[in-house]
Protein backbone atom coordinates (compact mmCIF):
# COMPACT_ATOMS: atom_id res chain seq x y z
CA UNK A 1 218.23 282.62 -107.54
CA UNK A 2 220.06 280.14 -108.26
CA UNK A 3 219.67 278.23 -111.81
CA UNK A 4 221.90 275.26 -112.50
CA UNK A 5 223.02 273.23 -116.10
CA UNK A 6 224.36 270.49 -117.19
CA UNK A 7 224.77 268.57 -120.42
CA UNK A 8 224.51 264.79 -121.30
CA UNK A 9 225.22 262.29 -124.46
CA UNK A 10 227.52 263.46 -126.90
CA UNK A 11 228.83 267.49 -128.18
CA UNK A 12 228.66 268.95 -130.86
CA UNK A 13 230.62 271.74 -132.60
CA UNK A 14 228.18 274.64 -130.85
CA UNK A 15 227.46 272.84 -127.89
CA UNK A 16 229.55 275.49 -126.39
CA UNK A 17 227.92 278.30 -127.85
CA UNK A 18 224.25 277.06 -126.18
CA UNK A 19 226.24 277.42 -122.48
CA UNK A 20 228.01 280.25 -123.62
CA UNK A 21 224.65 281.96 -124.39
CA UNK A 22 222.68 280.37 -121.25
CA UNK A 23 226.20 282.20 -118.67
CA UNK A 24 224.53 285.72 -121.12
CA UNK A 25 221.48 285.46 -120.52
CA UNK A 26 221.05 284.48 -116.73
CA UNK A 27 221.28 288.04 -115.68
CA UNK A 28 222.15 288.71 -111.49
CA UNK A 29 221.17 284.97 -111.17
CA UNK A 30 224.15 282.88 -109.72
CA UNK A 31 224.79 279.93 -112.07
CA UNK A 32 225.50 276.22 -110.93
CA UNK A 33 227.64 273.76 -113.51
CA UNK A 34 227.42 269.48 -113.63
CA UNK A 35 230.41 268.59 -115.29
CA UNK A 36 230.51 265.67 -116.09
CA UNK A 37 226.95 264.73 -117.46
CA UNK A 38 224.25 263.18 -115.79
CA UNK A 39 227.37 261.00 -113.54
CA UNK A 40 227.82 264.51 -111.62
CA UNK A 41 224.05 265.11 -111.13
CA UNK A 42 223.20 262.68 -109.35
CA UNK A 43 226.77 262.60 -106.95
CA UNK A 44 225.74 266.48 -106.87
CA UNK A 45 228.88 267.63 -107.98
CA UNK A 46 227.71 271.50 -109.12
CA UNK A 47 230.53 273.86 -109.07
CA UNK A 48 230.10 277.73 -109.53
CA UNK A 49 233.62 277.86 -111.62
CA UNK A 50 233.17 279.60 -114.68
CA UNK A 51 234.65 278.68 -118.63
CA UNK A 52 236.84 280.85 -120.00
CA UNK A 53 235.62 283.00 -123.12
CA UNK A 54 238.38 280.99 -125.37
CA UNK A 55 236.74 278.39 -124.44
CA UNK A 56 233.57 278.99 -125.32
CA UNK A 57 234.54 279.53 -128.62
CA UNK A 58 236.09 276.01 -129.19
CA UNK A 59 234.45 272.91 -130.08
CA UNK A 60 233.82 269.62 -127.50
CA UNK A 61 231.80 270.35 -124.19
CA UNK A 62 233.49 272.34 -121.20
CA UNK A 63 230.45 271.04 -119.37
CA UNK A 64 231.37 267.34 -120.52
CA UNK A 65 228.55 264.85 -121.19
CA UNK A 66 228.39 261.32 -121.39
CA UNK A 67 225.37 258.56 -120.54
CA UNK A 68 223.62 257.15 -117.75
CA UNK A 69 220.65 254.38 -117.00
CA UNK A 70 218.98 256.54 -114.80
CA UNK A 71 217.22 254.51 -111.56
CA UNK A 72 214.57 256.11 -109.27
CA UNK A 73 217.34 256.27 -106.46
CA UNK A 74 219.01 258.44 -108.89
CA UNK A 75 216.11 261.04 -109.88
CA UNK A 76 215.60 261.14 -105.97
CA UNK A 77 219.84 261.81 -104.94
CA UNK A 78 219.58 264.66 -108.08
CA UNK A 79 216.72 266.25 -107.05
CA UNK A 80 217.87 266.04 -103.08
CA UNK A 81 221.43 268.06 -104.55
CA UNK A 82 219.55 270.63 -106.60
CA UNK A 83 217.36 271.56 -103.02
CA UNK A 84 220.77 271.35 -100.67
CA UNK A 85 222.26 273.08 -103.19
CA UNK A 86 219.49 275.92 -103.36
CA UNK A 87 218.83 275.74 -107.08
CA UNK A 88 215.20 276.60 -108.05
CA UNK A 89 216.04 276.13 -112.20
CA UNK A 90 217.58 273.58 -113.63
CA UNK A 91 218.61 273.40 -117.64
CA UNK A 92 219.99 270.42 -119.69
CA UNK A 93 221.51 270.55 -123.14
CA UNK A 94 221.00 267.82 -125.08
CA UNK A 95 218.28 265.05 -127.78
CA UNK A 96 215.13 263.69 -126.68
CA UNK A 97 216.40 261.19 -124.38
CA UNK A 98 217.58 264.21 -121.84
CA UNK A 99 214.21 265.78 -122.63
CA UNK A 100 212.75 262.44 -120.60
CA UNK A 101 215.58 262.71 -118.15
CA UNK A 102 215.02 266.74 -118.07
CA UNK A 103 211.01 265.75 -117.26
CA UNK A 104 211.53 262.65 -115.14
CA UNK A 105 213.76 264.95 -113.03
CA UNK A 106 210.79 267.96 -112.67
CA UNK A 107 208.26 265.35 -112.29
CA UNK A 108 209.97 263.95 -108.74
CA UNK A 109 211.09 267.47 -107.57
CA UNK A 110 206.99 268.26 -108.05
CA UNK A 111 206.09 264.36 -106.07
CA UNK A 112 208.45 265.83 -103.45
CA UNK A 113 207.01 269.11 -102.99
CA UNK A 114 210.51 270.30 -104.27
CA UNK A 115 209.98 273.74 -106.80
CA UNK A 116 212.54 273.43 -109.46
CA UNK A 117 211.52 274.63 -112.88
CA UNK A 118 213.08 273.30 -115.82
CA UNK A 119 214.06 274.28 -119.48
CA UNK A 120 215.39 271.96 -122.17
CA UNK A 121 217.98 272.93 -124.66
CA UNK A 122 218.25 270.51 -127.62
CA UNK A 123 221.62 269.26 -128.82
CA UNK A 124 222.03 266.54 -131.60
CA UNK A 125 223.77 266.44 -134.69
CA UNK A 126 220.60 263.23 -135.55
CA UNK A 127 218.44 266.14 -135.65
CA UNK A 128 215.88 263.88 -134.53
CA UNK A 129 214.11 265.91 -132.18
CA UNK A 130 210.38 266.41 -132.72
CA UNK A 131 209.10 269.69 -132.45
CA UNK A 132 211.24 271.35 -134.02
CA UNK A 133 212.84 272.60 -137.71
CA UNK A 134 216.42 271.82 -136.74
CA UNK A 135 218.60 271.12 -133.72
CA UNK A 136 221.58 272.99 -133.10
CA UNK A 137 224.78 270.80 -133.76
CA UNK A 138 223.17 269.46 -136.88
CA UNK A 139 223.79 272.36 -139.62
CA UNK A 140 227.59 271.96 -138.59
CA UNK A 141 227.61 268.01 -139.20
CA UNK A 142 225.71 268.64 -142.27
CA UNK A 143 228.51 271.46 -143.32
CA UNK A 144 231.22 269.24 -142.44
CA UNK A 145 229.64 265.74 -144.32
CA UNK A 146 228.58 268.01 -147.55
CA UNK A 147 232.19 269.58 -148.01
CA UNK A 148 233.97 266.04 -146.92
CA UNK A 149 232.08 264.13 -149.21
CA UNK A 150 232.03 266.17 -152.33
CA UNK A 151 235.62 265.87 -151.44
CA UNK A 152 235.68 262.16 -151.03
CA UNK A 153 233.98 261.39 -153.92
CA UNK A 154 236.55 263.62 -156.40
CA UNK A 155 239.25 261.12 -154.75
CA UNK A 156 237.61 257.86 -155.56
CA UNK A 157 236.99 259.30 -159.17
CA UNK A 158 240.72 259.65 -159.47
CA UNK A 159 241.49 256.53 -157.31
CA UNK A 160 238.42 254.04 -159.98
CA UNK A 161 241.50 252.41 -161.76
CA UNK A 162 242.17 250.75 -157.75
CA UNK A 163 239.36 250.95 -155.94
CA UNK A 164 235.87 250.74 -157.94
CA UNK A 165 233.03 251.01 -154.97
CA UNK A 166 233.66 253.19 -152.01
CA UNK A 167 230.72 252.87 -149.14
CA UNK A 168 231.28 255.96 -146.98
CA UNK A 169 229.27 255.31 -142.83
CA UNK A 170 227.83 258.18 -141.09
CA UNK A 171 226.49 258.48 -137.85
CA UNK A 172 222.71 258.49 -137.60
CA UNK A 173 221.32 255.12 -135.65
CA UNK A 174 217.61 255.80 -135.64
CA UNK A 175 217.22 258.61 -139.27
CA UNK A 176 218.76 259.47 -142.15
CA UNK A 177 219.26 263.40 -141.63
CA UNK A 178 222.65 263.36 -141.47
CA UNK A 179 222.84 260.78 -145.12
CA UNK A 180 220.96 262.99 -146.53
CA UNK A 181 222.86 265.70 -145.43
CA UNK A 182 226.34 264.37 -146.99
CA UNK A 183 224.47 263.99 -150.23
CA UNK A 184 224.64 268.10 -150.12
CA UNK A 185 226.44 268.74 -153.86
CA UNK A 186 224.93 271.83 -154.32
CA UNK A 187 228.61 273.73 -154.08
CA UNK A 188 230.21 271.21 -156.06
CA UNK A 189 227.21 269.35 -158.47
CA UNK A 190 229.08 266.77 -160.26
CA UNK A 191 230.54 265.54 -157.10
CA UNK A 192 226.79 264.04 -155.45
CA UNK A 193 227.84 260.47 -153.97
CA UNK A 194 225.52 258.10 -156.33
CA UNK A 195 223.58 256.05 -153.46
CA UNK A 196 222.18 257.10 -149.71
CA UNK A 197 221.11 254.76 -147.48
CA UNK A 198 218.97 255.48 -144.30
CA UNK A 199 217.75 253.44 -141.79
CA UNK A 200 214.04 254.64 -143.01
CA UNK A 201 214.05 252.87 -146.04
CA UNK A 202 214.04 248.94 -145.66
CA UNK A 203 217.68 247.09 -146.70
CA UNK A 204 217.76 244.30 -148.93
CA UNK A 205 221.62 242.86 -149.63
CA UNK A 206 220.45 241.69 -153.02
CA UNK A 207 218.58 244.81 -154.34
CA UNK A 208 222.03 246.33 -153.10
CA UNK A 209 224.11 244.43 -155.10
CA UNK A 210 221.95 244.76 -158.23
CA UNK A 211 222.15 248.86 -157.74
CA UNK A 212 225.73 248.98 -156.95
CA UNK A 213 226.40 246.51 -160.08
CA UNK A 214 223.86 249.11 -162.43
CA UNK A 215 226.52 252.10 -160.85
CA UNK A 216 229.13 249.85 -161.64
CA UNK A 217 228.08 249.25 -166.03
CA UNK A 218 227.12 252.97 -166.37
CA UNK A 219 229.80 255.26 -165.10
CA UNK A 220 232.43 253.11 -164.12
CA UNK A 221 232.73 253.51 -160.58
CA UNK A 222 229.60 253.45 -157.27
CA UNK A 223 230.26 255.99 -154.43
CA UNK A 224 227.53 255.28 -151.49
CA UNK A 225 226.91 256.98 -148.27
CA UNK A 226 225.12 254.53 -145.49
CA UNK A 227 223.68 255.67 -142.16
CA UNK A 228 225.29 253.07 -139.04
CA UNK A 229 222.03 252.45 -138.59
CA UNK A 230 221.08 250.56 -141.56
CA UNK A 231 220.79 246.71 -141.11
CA UNK A 232 221.99 246.25 -137.82
CA UNK A 233 221.73 242.38 -138.23
CA UNK A 234 224.55 242.35 -140.48
CA UNK A 235 226.57 243.88 -137.90
CA UNK A 236 227.23 243.34 -133.89
CA UNK A 237 226.90 246.96 -133.43
CA UNK A 238 224.42 248.29 -130.36
CA UNK A 239 223.10 251.15 -132.56
CA UNK A 240 219.80 249.89 -131.50
CA UNK A 241 220.06 250.54 -127.78
CA UNK A 242 218.57 253.44 -125.71
CA UNK A 243 220.50 255.25 -123.16
CA UNK A 244 223.55 253.15 -124.62
CA UNK A 245 226.32 252.87 -122.79
CA UNK A 246 228.55 250.86 -124.94
CA UNK A 247 230.81 252.38 -127.92
CA UNK A 248 229.63 251.81 -131.51
CA UNK A 249 232.11 252.05 -133.56
CA UNK A 250 230.53 251.50 -136.65
CA UNK A 251 230.56 248.86 -139.64
CA UNK A 252 228.32 248.26 -141.62
CA UNK A 253 230.04 250.41 -144.22
CA UNK A 254 233.52 247.72 -144.18
CA UNK A 255 230.24 244.42 -144.20
CA UNK A 256 228.74 245.75 -147.43
CA UNK A 257 231.61 246.70 -149.19
CA UNK A 258 232.71 243.31 -148.49
CA UNK A 259 229.30 242.03 -149.84
CA UNK A 260 229.68 243.95 -152.76
CA UNK A 261 233.73 242.70 -153.00
CA UNK A 262 232.94 238.96 -153.09
CA UNK A 263 229.35 239.35 -155.34
CA UNK A 264 230.85 241.58 -157.96
CA UNK A 265 234.42 240.69 -158.27
CA UNK A 266 235.66 244.28 -157.84
CA UNK A 267 237.67 246.07 -155.79
CA UNK A 268 235.68 248.30 -152.42
CA UNK A 269 236.54 250.40 -149.49
CA UNK A 270 233.77 251.17 -146.42
CA UNK A 271 234.89 254.21 -143.97
CA UNK A 272 233.66 255.21 -141.01
CA UNK A 273 234.53 258.65 -140.47
CA UNK A 274 233.33 258.51 -136.80
CA UNK A 275 232.85 261.47 -134.34
CA UNK A 276 235.22 264.19 -136.80
CA UNK A 277 231.40 264.73 -137.90
CA UNK A 278 230.39 265.91 -134.43
CA UNK A 279 233.85 268.20 -133.42
CA UNK A 280 235.16 269.51 -136.38
CA UNK A 281 235.40 272.77 -135.98
CA UNK A 282 237.15 274.07 -139.14
CA UNK A 283 233.85 273.59 -141.43
CA UNK A 284 231.59 274.94 -138.25
CA UNK A 285 227.87 276.50 -139.66
CA UNK A 286 228.09 279.99 -138.47
CA UNK A 287 224.53 279.46 -138.46
CA UNK A 288 224.67 277.02 -136.53
CA UNK A 289 226.52 278.63 -134.00
CA UNK A 290 224.23 281.58 -133.75
CA UNK A 291 221.56 279.72 -132.88
CA UNK A 292 222.75 277.48 -130.19
CA UNK A 293 223.67 280.95 -128.20
CA UNK A 294 220.11 282.19 -128.98
CA UNK A 295 219.00 278.99 -127.46
CA UNK A 296 221.01 278.97 -124.69
CA UNK A 297 220.63 282.33 -123.96
CA UNK A 298 216.89 282.19 -123.90
CA UNK A 299 216.23 278.93 -122.13
CA UNK A 300 218.56 281.07 -119.58
CA UNK A 301 215.95 284.21 -119.54
CA UNK A 302 213.29 281.88 -118.85
CA UNK A 303 214.70 280.04 -116.00
CA UNK A 304 215.80 283.76 -114.61
CA UNK A 305 211.89 284.77 -115.04
CA UNK A 306 209.63 283.58 -112.11
CA UNK A 307 206.77 283.97 -114.57
CA UNK A 308 208.90 282.56 -117.69
CA UNK A 309 207.80 278.52 -119.21
CA UNK A 310 208.47 275.85 -117.35
CA UNK A 311 208.82 271.71 -118.12
CA UNK A 312 209.40 272.65 -121.35
CA UNK A 313 212.26 273.06 -124.16
CA UNK A 314 213.14 275.70 -126.34
CA UNK A 315 213.65 275.74 -129.77
CA UNK A 316 213.13 276.42 -133.28
CA UNK A 317 210.74 276.55 -135.83
CA UNK A 318 211.26 276.57 -139.60
CA UNK A 319 210.66 280.46 -140.10
CA UNK A 320 213.48 280.96 -137.17
CA UNK A 321 211.10 281.48 -134.24
CA UNK A 322 211.77 279.99 -130.96
CA UNK A 323 209.25 277.59 -129.74
CA UNK A 324 208.13 276.39 -126.76
CA UNK A 325 207.41 272.30 -126.62
CA UNK A 326 206.49 270.71 -123.12
CA UNK A 327 208.83 268.15 -122.17
CA UNK A 328 206.80 265.52 -121.85
CA UNK A 329 206.34 265.75 -125.61
CA UNK A 330 209.47 265.11 -126.49
CA UNK A 331 211.45 262.63 -124.50
CA UNK A 332 210.88 258.87 -126.26
CA UNK A 333 210.13 259.93 -129.56
CA UNK A 334 211.83 260.46 -132.90
CA UNK A 335 212.08 262.56 -135.86
CA UNK A 336 212.14 260.76 -138.40
CA UNK A 337 213.13 262.04 -142.28
CA UNK A 338 209.71 262.94 -144.05
CA UNK A 339 208.69 260.30 -146.50
CA UNK A 340 208.85 263.22 -149.34
CA UNK A 341 212.86 263.13 -148.69
CA UNK A 342 212.99 259.58 -148.03
CA UNK A 343 215.08 258.95 -152.04
CA UNK A 344 217.79 256.61 -151.88
CA UNK A 345 219.13 259.04 -155.14
CA UNK A 346 220.77 262.44 -154.66
CA UNK A 347 219.47 263.89 -157.61
CA UNK A 348 216.41 263.73 -156.38
CA UNK A 349 216.22 265.49 -153.57
CA UNK A 350 216.39 269.20 -154.57
CA UNK A 351 213.87 269.98 -151.90
CA UNK A 352 215.59 269.02 -149.57
CA UNK A 353 219.00 270.54 -150.42
CA UNK A 354 216.71 273.84 -150.75
CA UNK A 355 216.35 273.16 -146.98
CA UNK A 356 219.52 272.70 -145.96
CA UNK A 357 221.64 275.63 -148.31
CA UNK A 358 221.14 277.96 -145.59
CA UNK A 359 221.77 275.84 -142.45
CA UNK A 360 225.37 274.34 -144.26
CA UNK A 361 225.95 278.28 -145.77
CA UNK A 362 228.59 276.62 -148.42
CA UNK A 363 230.20 279.40 -150.47
């Protein structure tokens, strides 16, 4: 028996832990690795070379990642390559787009009469995969943001004489899970952000300026968190493109800082945290690392068992139990922040913070 594994999309702090779990869970099966994302699968670039244990404990992605607009010819090339290599099971690590990709590979294999079993392993810092409580990668990014933002709020307080407004931009093209995570402040209660802006809520520039002005009148400074996907009409960034291959550099924080400065006549800074939030190893969540490894191990065990689940993604429910979800129910869908957590005021998010607290595990 030969099974294969690859990753698409970007790395997370714990994606190598999922690979480590997969390697541990394959039993006697042979494993081939597609290093280089979807391009490696299309090119049939599979290797039996294995990563070292040290590499699997580090951040980044040994499998590497990437994005590609997949064509019908690409699917045929992938199925043919896997068949030539004797692969009977395939696992892809990634988000909802990856699960749609894996489902398309499985469907094409069936159409061609090729036997191929598939199991997806969730991976995204955005936490926007439907059907699960949270995804590996999110908790570590959330832990980094929660710790960093309270530190930045302390820094902002110290510099308020020369910087009245600070707006910090976090990742999250379609959803506000990461922005809300950045509002977590149980570990440093006095230094919550003042306002958090997410893509789930309609944005009005005049209302935003008025809210910043109220904060300035009340406390002399304003500290704001904004998702990169807020108000895409104000930037030229491709934040709403699906299966995007153009780099997203961010910028809404700087646009809003300039708008606040112009309207209110105060100094304002816009900051973009960028890729640090998905790759920081020093603040890796121990819960995240453990769960990532568990899901990788489970996926490998299912593929190694001829009677195991197929055409599914393995995930975690709210009670931490393993759940099985059909690939066809995941791809192309987005898990938005529930309405009861769609607040722009961090101090009103106590139930969200209670849910998040065990995942970030901050002292």
